[in-house]
Amino acid sequence: MSNRFSSQLLEEKREFFISLAALSLLAIMYAAFGASRWAVEPIESATRFCENISDGLIKEPMNTLSNLTYVFVGLAILWKMPTHHEKAANPMLERGMYPILFATGSMYIGIGSFAMHGTNTNWGTSMDWTGMLFFISFPVYYNLSRQYGWSDRFFLGFFFTVFVFTAVLDTFAANNNIVLIDNFSGTHKLRLSGITRDYMWSLYIGVWIIQEAQNLTQNRLVWMVGLPLVACVTLSVGAPFMQIAILCVMFAVAAIVLHYRSGQHLARQATPSLWIGLVCYLVANIVWRYGRDGEAACNPDTLFQFHAMWHILTGLSVYFFYLYFTTESVLKEVDDEQ
């Protein structure tokens, strides 16, 4: 009876246990390689966050371990998936690729950020950024696939083609420090790495805001244009004027295109999951500002680190955004004349 129960559990939660095994292997590899590399070698790339750099395998203990929040969220999503393979009207309620990709994105953020803060190496920083780009691009392409009826095969091909190109570009740009334009905005330079880390990252966030504003307001253009512009101006930290101006134009264009090419309306229940996720993210954005090196609130020797709190809060927001996606119930055409 016990063996049969174990076999059934392994089958019903196969994705969860595969992920757990993969995470365990990554942890072993981290310790094995780190013992002879970043545990004994000087740091390559300081993250410029408040916490002191320690000796050993984990350079920034609290900023590193707090990334397990994303990993736990990803595992929780996989555990919550149905045990059967039946199709559902909402793909996020299936035992299929969409919740798996969402969970993978959450775990990828945690692994990448763990690598950056744990090793203080250039490759760790690249893992951090590619993880963030993987996760933040998924909701945008998922929403597009639901709006315009993409097939699963087309979604996978498009999503991974764009992601692989972006990841390769980001890694190449970060390791070569190529300057595209000197004095792009005052004394700021436009670097190749800024294409992915300043513009693509921000564009994904802005388009996601536009899409959810479209869903919640029945395709009202004023909200679709206004909300990402307000977010861009208020949430940007130290961004040059030219970058903000370009992003605002890009958001406005994206909103207009989505408004007049609206596809199907995605009916989701915003209360309470979306609002809780947004509150967690907005508070985290404020907290992030206090976690930088040199800030008055910075105490590099304490166990409480503002950047670690950023990881915990944004990890929680990821979970609540997942719950929001699971509330989709009806697809209907939007009136393009609104």
C-alpha atoms as a PDB file:
ATOM      1  CA  MET A   1       0.000   0.000   0.000  1.00  0.00           C
ATOM      2  CA  SER A   2       2.826   2.366   0.914  1.00  0.00           C
ATOM      3  CA  ASN A   3       4.707   1.734  -2.333  1.00  0.00           C
ATOM      4  CA  ARG A   4       1.557   2.200  -4.372  1.00  0.00           C
ATOM      5  CA  PHE A   5       0.811   5.480  -2.605  1.00  0.00           C
ATOM      6  CA  SER A   6       4.379   6.689  -3.230  1.00  0.00           C
ATOM      7  CA  SER A   7       4.196   5.769  -6.912  1.00  0.00           C
ATOM      8  CA  GLN A   8       0.850   7.525  -7.278  1.00  0.00           C
ATOM      9  CA  LEU A   9       2.169  10.641  -5.549  1.00  0.00           C
ATOM     10  CA  LEU A  10       5.266  10.674  -7.742  1.00  0.00           C
ATOM     11  CA  GLU A  11       3.093  10.450 -10.848  1.00  0.00           C
ATOM     12  CA  GLU A  12       0.567  13.060  -9.728  1.00  0.00           C
ATOM     13  CA  LYS A  13       3.268  15.519  -8.646  1.00  0.00           C
ATOM     14  CA  ARG A  14       5.893  14.552 -11.216  1.00  0.00           C
ATOM     15  CA  GLU A  15       6.713  18.129 -12.261  1.00  0.00           C
ATOM     16  CA  PHE A  16       7.192  19.138  -8.623  1.00  0.00           C
ATOM     17  CA  PHE A  17       9.596  16.288  -7.867  1.00  0.00           C
ATOM     18  CA  ILE A  18      11.537  16.763 -11.113  1.00  0.00           C
ATOM     19  CA  SER A  19      12.028  20.423 -10.186  1.00  0.00           C
ATOM     20  CA  LEU A  20      13.069  19.460  -6.668  1.00  0.00           C
ATOM     21  CA  ALA A  21      15.662  17.043  -8.073  1.00  0.00           C
ATOM     22  CA  ALA A  22      16.962  19.683 -10.504  1.00  0.00           C
ATOM     23  CA  LEU A  23      17.229  22.263  -7.712  1.00  0.00           C
ATOM     24  CA  SER A  24      19.114  19.765  -5.537  1.00  0.00           C
ATOM     25  CA  LEU A  25      21.557  19.091  -8.384  1.00  0.00           C
ATOM     26  CA  LEU A  26      22.092  22.829  -8.884  1.00  0.00           C
ATOM     27  CA  ALA A  27      22.772  23.240  -5.153  1.00  0.00           C
ATOM     28  CA  ILE A  28      25.389  20.472  -5.273  1.00  0.00           C
ATOM     29  CA  MET A  29      27.015  22.037  -8.354  1.00  0.00           C
ATOM     30  CA  TYR A  30      27.010  25.456  -6.672  1.00  0.00           C
ATOM     31  CA  ALA A  31      28.873  24.073  -3.636  1.00  0.00           C
ATOM     32  CA  ALA A  32      31.260  21.917  -5.677  1.00  0.00           C
ATOM     33  CA  PHE A  33      32.330  24.614  -8.142  1.00  0.00           C
ATOM     34  CA  GLY A  34      32.176  27.411  -5.604  1.00  0.00           C
ATOM     35  CA  ALA A  35      34.552  25.732  -3.168  1.00  0.00           C
ATOM     36  CA  SER A  36      37.431  26.179  -5.622  1.00  0.00           C
ATOM     37  CA  ARG A  37      36.289  29.379  -7.322  1.00  0.00           C
ATOM     38  CA  TRP A  38      34.290  32.238  -5.823  1.00  0.00           C
ATOM     39  CA  ALA A  39      34.755  30.946  -2.257  1.00  0.00           C
ATOM     40  CA  VAL A  40      38.493  31.599  -2.553  1.00  0.00           C
ATOM     41  CA  GLU A  41      38.810  34.119  -5.381  1.00  0.00           C
ATOM     42  CA  PRO A  42      38.205  37.880  -5.179  1.00  0.00           C
ATOM     43  CA  ILE A  43      34.834  39.130  -6.373  1.00  0.00           C
ATOM     44  CA  GLU A  44      34.449  40.052 -10.062  1.00  0.00           C
ATOM     45  CA  SER A  45      31.345  42.215  -9.885  1.00  0.00           C
ATOM     46  CA  ALA A  46      30.142  44.008  -6.768  1.00  0.00           C
ATOM     47  CA  THR A  47      26.344  44.309  -6.776  1.00  0.00           C
ATOM     48  CA  ARG A  48      26.418  47.754  -5.112  1.00  0.00           C
ATOM     49  CA  PHE A  49      23.792  46.764  -2.575  1.00  0.00           C
ATOM     50  CA  CYS A  50      24.115  47.469   1.099  1.00  0.00           C
ATOM     51  CA  GLU A  51      25.114  44.114   2.585  1.00  0.00           C
ATOM     52  CA  ASN A  52      28.772  43.463   3.368  1.00  0.00           C
ATOM     53  CA  ILE A  53      30.620  41.033   1.114  1.00  0.00           C
ATOM     54  CA  SER A  54      31.476  37.893   3.099  1.00  0.00           C
ATOM     55  CA  ASP A  55      34.104  35.237   2.568  1.00  0.00           C
ATOM     56  CA  GLY A  56      33.095  31.742   1.500  1.00  0.00           C
ATOM     57  CA  LEU A  57      30.479  30.252  -0.787  1.00  0.00           C
ATOM     58  CA  ILE A  58      27.812  32.919  -0.216  1.00  0.00           C
ATOM     59  CA  LYS A  59      29.091  36.461  -0.594  1.00  0.00           C
ATOM     60  CA  GLU A  60      25.900  38.264   0.493  1.00  0.00           C
ATOM     61  CA  PRO A  61      24.085  35.895   2.892  1.00  0.00           C
ATOM     62  CA  MET A  62      20.733  37.667   3.386  1.00  0.00           C
ATOM     63  CA  ASN A  63      20.474  39.048  -0.145  1.00  0.00           C
ATOM     64  CA  THR A  64      21.219  35.526  -1.412  1.00  0.00           C
ATOM     65  CA  LEU A  65      19.072  33.308   0.816  1.00  0.00           C
ATOM     66  CA  SER A  66      16.027  35.571   0.481  1.00  0.00           C
ATOM     67  CA  ASN A  67      15.866  34.484  -3.169  1.00  0.00           C
ATOM     68  CA  LEU A  68      14.564  31.125  -2.001  1.00  0.00           C
ATOM     69  CA  THR A  69      11.187  32.906  -1.814  1.00  0.00           C
ATOM     70  CA  TYR A  70      10.944  32.722  -5.621  1.00  0.00           C
ATOM     71  CA  VAL A  71      11.945  29.057  -5.569  1.00  0.00           C
ATOM     72  CA  PHE A  72       9.327  28.189  -2.953  1.00  0.00           C
ATOM     73  CA  VAL A  73       6.688  30.075  -4.962  1.00  0.00           C
ATOM     74  CA  GLY A  74       7.566  28.116  -8.100  1.00  0.00           C
ATOM     75  CA  LEU A  75       7.398  24.820  -6.223  1.00  0.00           C
ATOM     76  CA  ALA A  76       4.063  25.811  -4.648  1.00  0.00           C
ATOM     77  CA  ILE A  77       2.602  26.505  -8.105  1.00  0.00           C
ATOM     78  CA  LEU A  78       3.759  23.110  -9.368  1.00  0.00           C
ATOM     79  CA  TRP A  79       2.316  21.403  -6.290  1.00  0.00           C
ATOM     80  CA  LYS A  80      -1.049  23.119  -6.838  1.00  0.00           C
ATOM     81  CA  MET A  81      -1.393  21.910 -10.422  1.00  0.00           C
ATOM     82  CA  PRO A  82      -4.180  19.381 -11.101  1.00  0.00           C
ATOM     83  CA  THR A  83      -3.261  15.715 -10.976  1.00  0.00           C
ATOM     84  CA  HIS A  84      -5.004  14.972 -14.300  1.00  0.00           C
ATOM     85  CA  HIS A  85      -4.211  16.075 -17.860  1.00  0.00           C
ATOM     86  CA  GLU A  86      -7.667  17.195 -18.928  1.00  0.00           C
ATOM     87  CA  LYS A  87      -8.055  20.396 -20.931  1.00  0.00           C
ATOM     88  CA  ALA A  88      -9.604  23.428 -19.225  1.00  0.00           C
ATOM     89  CA  ALA A  89     -11.020  26.709 -20.524  1.00  0.00           C
ATOM     90  CA  ASN A  90      -8.287  28.453 -18.530  1.00  0.00           C
ATOM     91  CA  PRO A  91      -4.834  26.999 -19.399  1.00  0.00           C
ATOM     92  CA  MET A  92      -3.485  28.149 -16.020  1.00  0.00           C
ATOM     93  CA  LEU A  93      -5.814  25.604 -14.386  1.00  0.00           C
ATOM     94  CA  GLU A  94      -4.440  22.721 -16.430  1.00  0.00           C
ATOM     95  CA  ARG A  95      -1.584  20.385 -15.765  1.00  0.00           C
ATOM     96  CA  GLY A  96       0.188  21.824 -18.751  1.00  0.00           C
ATOM     97  CA  MET A  97       2.962  24.024 -20.036  1.00  0.00           C
ATOM     98  CA  TYR A  98       1.596  27.434 -19.026  1.00  0.00           C
ATOM     99  CA  PRO A  99       1.634  27.031 -15.217  1.00  0.00           C
ATOM    100  CA  ILE A 100       4.880  25.076 -15.594  1.00  0.00           C
ATOM    101  CA  LEU A 101       6.474  27.983 -17.474  1.00  0.00           C
ATOM    102  CA  PHE A 102       5.169  30.474 -14.916  1.00  0.00           C
ATOM    103  CA  ALA A 103       6.623  28.368 -12.078  1.00  0.00           C
ATOM    104  CA  THR A 104       9.873  27.924 -14.002  1.00  0.00           C
ATOM    105  CA  GLY A 105      10.099  31.694 -14.439  1.00  0.00           C
ATOM    106  CA  SER A 106       9.704  32.233 -10.708  1.00  0.00           C
ATOM    107  CA  MET A 107      12.380  29.649  -9.895  1.00  0.00           C
ATOM    108  CA  TYR A 108      14.647  31.064 -12.615  1.00  0.00           C
ATOM    109  CA  ILE A 109      14.477  34.496 -10.974  1.00  0.00           C
ATOM    110  CA  GLY A 110      15.449  32.933  -7.636  1.00  0.00           C
ATOM    111  CA  ILE A 111      18.284  30.857  -9.069  1.00  0.00           C
ATOM    112  CA  GLY A 112      19.654  33.755 -11.100  1.00  0.00           C
ATOM    113  CA  SER A 113      19.523  36.262  -8.270  1.00  0.00           C
ATOM    114  CA  PHE A 114      20.959  33.651  -5.885  1.00  0.00           C
ATOM    115  CA  ALA A 115      23.868  33.241  -8.314  1.00  0.00           C
ATOM    116  CA  MET A 116      24.450  36.994  -8.570  1.00  0.00           C
ATOM    117  CA  HIS A 117      24.355  37.788  -4.855  1.00  0.00           C
ATOM    118  CA  GLY A 118      25.921  34.488  -3.826  1.00  0.00           C
ATOM    119  CA  THR A 119      28.935  34.571  -6.140  1.00  0.00           C
ATOM    120  CA  ASN A 120      29.421  38.247  -7.074  1.00  0.00           C
ATOM    121  CA  THR A 121      30.593  37.085 -10.505  1.00  0.00           C
ATOM    122  CA  ASN A 122      29.836  38.395 -13.976  1.00  0.00           C
ATOM    123  CA  TRP A 123      28.169  35.135 -15.002  1.00  0.00           C
ATOM    124  CA  GLY A 124      25.990  35.330 -11.892  1.00  0.00           C
ATOM    125  CA  THR A 125      24.837  38.798 -12.917  1.00  0.00           C
ATOM    126  CA  SER A 126      23.970  37.497 -16.397  1.00  0.00           C
ATOM    127  CA  MET A 127      21.933  34.686 -14.853  1.00  0.00           C
ATOM    128  CA  ASP A 128      20.087  37.221 -12.736  1.00  0.00           C
ATOM    129  CA  TRP A 129      19.139  39.370 -15.708  1.00  0.00           C
ATOM    130  CA  THR A 130      18.185  36.509 -18.013  1.00  0.00           C
ATOM    131  CA  GLY A 131      15.981  35.105 -15.235  1.00  0.00           C
ATOM    132  CA  MET A 132      14.205  38.423 -14.806  1.00  0.00           C
ATOM    133  CA  LEU A 133      13.724  38.770 -18.568  1.00  0.00           C
ATOM    134  CA  PHE A 134      12.357  35.213 -18.800  1.00  0.00           C
ATOM    135  CA  PHE A 135       9.785  35.828 -16.102  1.00  0.00           C
ATOM    136  CA  ILE A 136       8.650  39.316 -17.044  1.00  0.00           C
ATOM    137  CA  SER A 137       8.246  38.428 -20.735  1.00  0.00           C
ATOM    138  CA  PHE A 138       6.026  35.407 -20.041  1.00  0.00           C
ATOM    139  CA  PRO A 139       2.847  37.281 -18.961  1.00  0.00           C
ATOM    140  CA  VAL A 140       3.106  39.578 -21.999  1.00  0.00           C
ATOM    141  CA  TYR A 141       3.302  36.728 -24.512  1.00  0.00           C
ATOM    142  CA  TYR A 142       0.796  34.633 -22.577  1.00  0.00           C
ATOM    143  CA  ASN A 143      -1.725  37.491 -22.701  1.00  0.00           C
ATOM    144  CA  LEU A 144      -1.098  37.930 -26.428  1.00  0.00           C
ATOM    145  CA  SER A 145      -1.626  34.226 -26.998  1.00  0.00           C
ATOM    146  CA  ARG A 146      -4.950  34.375 -25.154  1.00  0.00           C
ATOM    147  CA  GLN A 147      -6.065  37.568 -26.904  1.00  0.00           C
ATOM    148  CA  TYR A 148      -5.249  36.424 -30.425  1.00  0.00           C
ATOM    149  CA  GLY A 149      -5.746  32.667 -30.141  1.00  0.00           C
ATOM    150  CA  TRP A 150      -2.157  31.510 -30.646  1.00  0.00           C
ATOM    151  CA  SER A 151      -1.580  27.782 -30.747  1.00  0.00           C
ATOM    152  CA  ASP A 152       0.589  26.208 -28.051  1.00  0.00           C
ATOM    153  CA  ARG A 153       3.260  25.440 -30.640  1.00  0.00           C
ATOM    154  CA  PHE A 154       3.343  29.010 -31.939  1.00  0.00           C
ATOM    155  CA  PHE A 155       3.504  30.409 -28.403  1.00  0.00           C
ATOM    156  CA  LEU A 156       6.416  28.140 -27.451  1.00  0.00           C
ATOM    157  CA  GLY A 157       8.324  28.891 -30.639  1.00  0.00           C
ATOM    158  CA  PHE A 158       7.828  32.638 -30.414  1.00  0.00           C
ATOM    159  CA  PHE A 159       8.455  32.894 -26.665  1.00  0.00           C
ATOM    160  CA  PHE A 160      11.671  30.872 -26.637  1.00  0.00           C
ATOM    161  CA  THR A 161      13.022  32.402 -29.861  1.00  0.00           C
ATOM    162  CA  VAL A 162      12.688  35.887 -28.389  1.00  0.00           C
ATOM    163  CA  PHE A 163      14.016  34.801 -25.008  1.00  0.00           C
ATOM    164  CA  VAL A 164      17.099  33.004 -26.358  1.00  0.00           C
ATOM    165  CA  PHE A 165      17.926  35.975 -28.597  1.00  0.00           C
ATOM    166  CA  THR A 166      17.485  38.347 -25.639  1.00  0.00           C
ATOM    167  CA  ALA A 167      19.564  36.178 -23.291  1.00  0.00           C
ATOM    168  CA  VAL A 168      22.418  35.877 -25.791  1.00  0.00           C
ATOM    169  CA  LEU A 169      22.333  39.616 -26.520  1.00  0.00           C
ATOM    170  CA  ASP A 170      22.281  40.484 -22.816  1.00  0.00           C
ATOM    171  CA  THR A 171      25.155  38.155 -21.952  1.00  0.00           C
ATOM    172  CA  PHE A 172      27.269  39.365 -24.879  1.00  0.00           C
ATOM    173  CA  ALA A 173      26.550  43.019 -24.125  1.00  0.00           C
ATOM    174  CA  ALA A 174      27.290  42.673 -20.400  1.00  0.00           C
ATOM    175  CA  ASN A 175      30.647  41.026 -21.049  1.00  0.00           C
ATOM    176  CA  ASN A 176      31.819  43.466 -23.736  1.00  0.00           C
ATOM    177  CA  ASN A 177      30.584  46.809 -22.381  1.00  0.00           C
ATOM    178  CA  ILE A 178      29.910  48.217 -25.852  1.00  0.00           C
ATOM    179  CA  VAL A 179      28.922  51.896 -25.963  1.00  0.00           C
ATOM    180  CA  LEU A 180      26.452  52.720 -28.736  1.00  0.00           C
ATOM    181  CA  ILE A 181      26.084  56.473 -28.160  1.00  0.00           C
ATOM    182  CA  ASP A 182      28.230  58.762 -26.016  1.00  0.00           C
ATOM    183  CA  ASN A 183      26.459  61.576 -24.155  1.00  0.00           C
ATOM    184  CA  PHE A 184      23.096  59.989 -24.995  1.00  0.00           C
ATOM    185  CA  SER A 185      21.287  61.882 -22.242  1.00  0.00           C
ATOM    186  CA  GLY A 186      23.511  64.493 -20.681  1.00  0.00           C
ATOM    187  CA  THR A 187      26.575  62.603 -19.448  1.00  0.00           C
ATOM    188  CA  HIS A 188      24.828  59.201 -19.676  1.00  0.00           C
ATOM    189  CA  LYS A 189      26.007  56.757 -22.323  1.00  0.00           C
ATOM    190  CA  LEU A 190      23.754  54.357 -24.203  1.00  0.00           C
ATOM    191  CA  ARG A 191      25.357  50.935 -23.855  1.00  0.00           C
ATOM    192  CA  LEU A 192      24.388  47.768 -25.691  1.00  0.00           C
ATOM    193  CA  SER A 193      23.524  46.172 -22.338  1.00  0.00           C
ATOM    194  CA  GLY A 194      21.006  48.981 -21.817  1.00  0.00           C
ATOM    195  CA  ILE A 195      18.903  47.633 -24.698  1.00  0.00           C
ATOM    196  CA  THR A 196      17.944  44.588 -22.644  1.00  0.00           C
ATOM    197  CA  ARG A 197      18.373  45.887 -19.108  1.00  0.00           C
ATOM    198  CA  ASP A 198      16.829  49.339 -19.477  1.00  0.00           C
ATOM    199  CA  TYR A 199      14.529  49.181 -22.478  1.00  0.00           C
ATOM    200  CA  MET A 200      13.348  45.599 -23.043  1.00  0.00           C
ATOM    201  CA  TRP A 201      12.883  44.972 -19.309  1.00  0.00           C
ATOM    202  CA  SER A 202      10.918  48.189 -18.868  1.00  0.00           C
ATOM    203  CA  LEU A 203       8.948  47.641 -22.083  1.00  0.00           C
ATOM    204  CA  TYR A 204       7.760  44.228 -20.885  1.00  0.00           C
ATOM    205  CA  ILE A 205       6.563  45.736 -17.601  1.00  0.00           C
ATOM    206  CA  GLY A 206       4.814  48.586 -19.404  1.00  0.00           C
ATOM    207  CA  VAL A 207       3.062  46.318 -21.909  1.00  0.00           C
ATOM    208  CA  TRP A 208       1.910  44.004 -19.119  1.00  0.00           C
ATOM    209  CA  ILE A 209       0.401  47.024 -17.346  1.00  0.00           C
ATOM    210  CA  ILE A 210      -1.296  48.038 -20.611  1.00  0.00           C
ATOM    211  CA  GLN A 211      -2.733  44.557 -21.111  1.00  0.00           C
ATOM    212  CA  GLU A 212      -4.182  44.328 -17.619  1.00  0.00           C
ATOM    213  CA  ALA A 213      -5.534  47.890 -17.866  1.00  0.00           C
ATOM    214  CA  GLN A 214      -7.201  46.823 -21.121  1.00  0.00           C
ATOM    215  CA  ASN A 215      -8.789  43.803 -19.437  1.00  0.00           C
ATOM    216  CA  LEU A 216      -9.955  45.665 -16.330  1.00  0.00           C
ATOM    217  CA  THR A 217     -11.313  48.796 -18.049  1.00  0.00           C
ATOM    218  CA  GLN A 218     -12.945  47.199 -21.086  1.00  0.00           C
ATOM    219  CA  ASN A 219     -10.341  48.575 -23.508  1.00  0.00           C
ATOM    220  CA  ARG A 220     -10.398  52.210 -22.321  1.00  0.00           C
ATOM    221  CA  LEU A 221      -7.526  53.919 -24.119  1.00  0.00           C
ATOM    222  CA  VAL A 222      -7.036  56.663 -21.536  1.00  0.00           C
ATOM    223  CA  TRP A 223      -6.224  54.071 -18.858  1.00  0.00           C
ATOM    224  CA  MET A 224      -4.114  51.983 -21.209  1.00  0.00           C
ATOM    225  CA  VAL A 225      -1.948  54.992 -22.032  1.00  0.00           C
ATOM    226  CA  GLY A 226      -2.015  56.719 -18.655  1.00  0.00           C
ATOM    227  CA  LEU A 227      -1.153  53.884 -16.242  1.00  0.00           C
ATOM    228  CA  PRO A 228       2.188  52.808 -17.796  1.00  0.00           C
ATOM    229  CA  LEU A 229       3.236  56.454 -18.180  1.00  0.00           C
ATOM    230  CA  VAL A 230       2.561  57.133 -14.499  1.00  0.00           C
ATOM    231  CA  ALA A 231       4.447  53.952 -13.553  1.00  0.00           C
ATOM    232  CA  CYS A 232       7.402  54.894 -15.766  1.00  0.00           C
ATOM    233  CA  VAL A 233       7.754  58.379 -14.284  1.00  0.00           C
ATOM    234  CA  THR A 234       7.169  57.461 -10.632  1.00  0.00           C
ATOM    235  CA  LEU A 235       8.910  54.072 -10.344  1.00  0.00           C
ATOM    236  CA  SER A 236      12.093  54.816 -12.306  1.00  0.00           C
ATOM    237  CA  VAL A 237      15.138  55.296 -10.081  1.00  0.00           C
ATOM    238  CA  GLY A 238      17.981  57.404 -11.457  1.00  0.00           C
ATOM    239  CA  ALA A 239      17.006  56.819 -15.098  1.00  0.00           C
ATOM    240  CA  PRO A 240      18.178  59.510 -17.561  1.00  0.00           C
ATOM    241  CA  PHE A 241      15.530  61.783 -19.053  1.00  0.00           C
ATOM    242  CA  MET A 242      16.005  60.427 -22.585  1.00  0.00           C
ATOM    243  CA  GLN A 243      15.348  56.866 -21.434  1.00  0.00           C
ATOM    244  CA  ILE A 244      12.103  57.855 -19.699  1.00  0.00           C
ATOM    245  CA  ALA A 245      10.992  59.870 -22.735  1.00  0.00           C
ATOM    246  CA  ILE A 246      11.661  56.981 -25.155  1.00  0.00           C
ATOM    247  CA  LEU A 247       9.882  54.483 -22.905  1.00  0.00           C
ATOM    248  CA  CYS A 248       6.852  56.769 -22.584  1.00  0.00           C
ATOM    249  CA  VAL A 249       6.591  57.008 -26.371  1.00  0.00           C
ATOM    250  CA  MET A 250       6.933  53.224 -26.693  1.00  0.00           C
ATOM    251  CA  PHE A 251       4.219  52.658 -24.070  1.00  0.00           C
ATOM    252  CA  ALA A 252       1.852  55.066 -25.797  1.00  0.00           C
ATOM    253  CA  VAL A 253       2.381  53.378 -29.166  1.00  0.00           C
ATOM    254  CA  ALA A 254       1.890  49.905 -27.668  1.00  0.00           C
ATOM    255  CA  ALA A 255      -1.314  51.015 -25.932  1.00  0.00           C
ATOM    256  CA  ILE A 256      -2.759  52.483 -29.133  1.00  0.00           C
ATOM    257  CA  VAL A 257      -1.921  49.354 -31.151  1.00  0.00           C
ATOM    258  CA  LEU A 258      -3.453  47.028 -28.540  1.00  0.00           C
ATOM    259  CA  HIS A 259      -6.507  49.258 -28.250  1.00  0.00           C
ATOM    260  CA  TYR A 260      -7.335  49.151 -31.951  1.00  0.00           C
ATOM    261  CA  ARG A 261      -6.194  45.523 -32.383  1.00  0.00           C
ATOM    262  CA  SER A 262      -7.737  44.299 -29.163  1.00  0.00           C
ATOM    263  CA  GLY A 263      -8.555  40.684 -29.985  1.00  0.00           C
ATOM    264  CA  GLN A 264     -10.504  38.902 -27.271  1.00  0.00           C
ATOM    265  CA  HIS A 265     -11.186  40.387 -23.849  1.00  0.00           C
ATOM    266  CA  LEU A 266      -9.634  38.405 -20.985  1.00  0.00           C
ATOM    267  CA  ALA A 267     -12.095  38.322 -18.091  1.00  0.00           C
ATOM    268  CA  ARG A 268     -10.229  37.862 -14.819  1.00  0.00           C
ATOM    269  CA  GLN A 269     -11.066  38.547 -11.187  1.00  0.00           C
ATOM    270  CA  ALA A 270      -8.764  41.311  -9.951  1.00  0.00           C
ATOM    271  CA  THR A 271      -9.927  41.154  -6.324  1.00  0.00           C
ATOM    272  CA  PRO A 272      -8.055  40.265  -4.230  1.00  0.00           C
ATOM    273  CA  SER A 273      -5.065  38.623  -5.940  1.00  0.00           C
ATOM    274  CA  LEU A 274      -4.062  41.293  -8.461  1.00  0.00           C
ATOM    275  CA  TRP A 275      -4.347  44.116  -5.930  1.00  0.00           C
ATOM    276  CA  ILE A 276      -2.382  42.226  -3.268  1.00  0.00           C
ATOM    277  CA  GLY A 277       0.309  41.441  -5.829  1.00  0.00           C
ATOM    278  CA  LEU A 278       0.470  45.089  -6.893  1.00  0.00           C
ATOM    279  CA  VAL A 279       0.707  46.313  -3.296  1.00  0.00           C
ATOM    280  CA  CYS A 280       3.535  43.859  -2.610  1.00  0.00           C
ATOM    281  CA  TYR A 281       5.362  45.053  -5.715  1.00  0.00           C
ATOM    282  CA  LEU A 282       4.875  48.765  -5.021  1.00  0.00           C
ATOM    283  CA  VAL A 283       6.054  48.425  -1.408  1.00  0.00           C
ATOM    284  CA  ALA A 284       9.000  46.367  -2.658  1.00  0.00           C
ATOM    285  CA  ASN A 285       9.895  49.104  -5.135  1.00  0.00           C
ATOM    286  CA  ILE A 286      10.067  51.616  -2.282  1.00  0.00           C
ATOM    287  CA  VAL A 287      12.073  49.193  -0.132  1.00  0.00           C
ATOM    288  CA  TRP A 288      14.529  48.571  -2.994  1.00  0.00           C
ATOM    289  CA  ARG A 289      15.629  52.210  -2.916  1.00  0.00           C
ATOM    290  CA  TYR A 290      16.790  51.898   0.698  1.00  0.00           C
ATOM    291  CA  GLY A 291      18.833  48.780  -0.023  1.00  0.00           C
ATOM    292  CA  ARG A 292      21.485  50.428  -2.149  1.00  0.00           C
ATOM    293  CA  ASP A 293      25.016  51.013  -0.913  1.00  0.00           C
ATOM    294  CA  GLY A 294      25.468  54.528   0.457  1.00  0.00           C
ATOM    295  CA  GLU A 295      21.830  55.130   1.404  1.00  0.00           C
ATOM    296  CA  ALA A 296      21.267  56.660   4.861  1.00  0.00           C
ATOM    297  CA  ALA A 297      19.210  53.611   5.899  1.00  0.00           C
ATOM    298  CA  CYS A 298      21.970  51.204   4.839  1.00  0.00           C
ATOM    299  CA  ASN A 299      23.454  49.070   7.624  1.00  0.00           C
ATOM    300  CA  PRO A 300      25.777  46.540   5.956  1.00  0.00           C
ATOM    301  CA  ASP A 301      26.349  44.500   9.138  1.00  0.00           C
ATOM    302  CA  THR A 302      22.760  43.732  10.148  1.00  0.00           C
ATOM    303  CA  LEU A 303      20.766  40.613   9.295  1.00  0.00           C
ATOM    304  CA  PHE A 304      17.904  42.799   8.081  1.00  0.00           C
ATOM    305  CA  GLN A 305      18.644  43.968   4.564  1.00  0.00           C
ATOM    306  CA  PHE A 306      16.235  46.059   2.528  1.00  0.00           C
ATOM    307  CA  HIS A 307      17.227  44.291  -0.682  1.00  0.00           C
ATOM    308  CA  ALA A 308      16.441  40.928   0.906  1.00  0.00           C
ATOM    309  CA  MET A 309      13.000  42.322   1.787  1.00  0.00           C
ATOM    310  CA  TRP A 310      12.631  43.329  -1.869  1.00  0.00           C
ATOM    311  CA  HIS A 311      13.170  39.666  -2.831  1.00  0.00           C
ATOM    312  CA  ILE A 312      10.582  38.444  -0.332  1.00  0.00           C
ATOM    313  CA  LEU A 313       7.932  40.996  -1.320  1.00  0.00           C
ATOM    314  CA  THR A 314       8.383  40.544  -5.065  1.00  0.00           C
ATOM    315  CA  GLY A 315       8.367  36.768  -4.572  1.00  0.00           C
ATOM    316  CA  LEU A 316       4.985  37.104  -2.874  1.00  0.00           C
ATOM    317  CA  SER A 317       3.758  39.333  -5.703  1.00  0.00           C
ATOM    318  CA  VAL A 318       4.705  36.593  -8.195  1.00  0.00           C
ATOM    319  CA  TYR A 319       2.497  34.134  -6.318  1.00  0.00           C
ATOM    320  CA  PHE A 320      -0.475  36.498  -6.197  1.00  0.00           C
ATOM    321  CA  PHE A 321      -0.091  37.316  -9.896  1.00  0.00           C
ATOM    322  CA  TYR A 322      -0.277  33.575 -10.570  1.00  0.00           C
ATOM    323  CA  LEU A 323      -3.497  33.367  -8.547  1.00  0.00           C
ATOM    324  CA  TYR A 324      -4.849  36.260 -10.603  1.00  0.00           C
ATOM    325  CA  PHE A 325      -4.158  34.410 -13.865  1.00  0.00           C
ATOM    326  CA  THR A 326      -6.049  31.378 -12.549  1.00  0.00           C
ATOM    327  CA  THR A 327      -9.267  33.452 -12.267  1.00  0.00           C
ATOM    328  CA  GLU A 328      -9.744  33.854 -16.027  1.00  0.00           C
ATOM    329  CA  SER A 329     -13.218  32.578 -16.851  1.00  0.00           C
ATOM    330  CA  VAL A 330     -14.663  34.027 -20.068  1.00  0.00           C
ATOM    331  CA  LEU A 331     -13.291  35.161 -23.377  1.00  0.00           C
ATOM    332  CA  LYS A 332     -15.370  37.654 -25.322  1.00  0.00           C
ATOM    333  CA  GLU A 333     -14.815  40.173 -28.085  1.00  0.00           C
ATOM    334  CA  VAL A 334     -14.009  43.716 -27.029  1.00  0.00           C
ATOM    335  CA  ASP A 335     -15.844  46.635 -28.597  1.00  0.00           C
ATOM    336  CA  ASP A 336     -13.038  48.409 -30.449  1.00  0.00           C
ATOM    337  CA  GLU A 337     -15.005  51.659 -30.560  1.00  0.00           C
ATOM    338  CA  GLN A 338     -14.831  52.209 -26.796  1.00  0.00           C
END
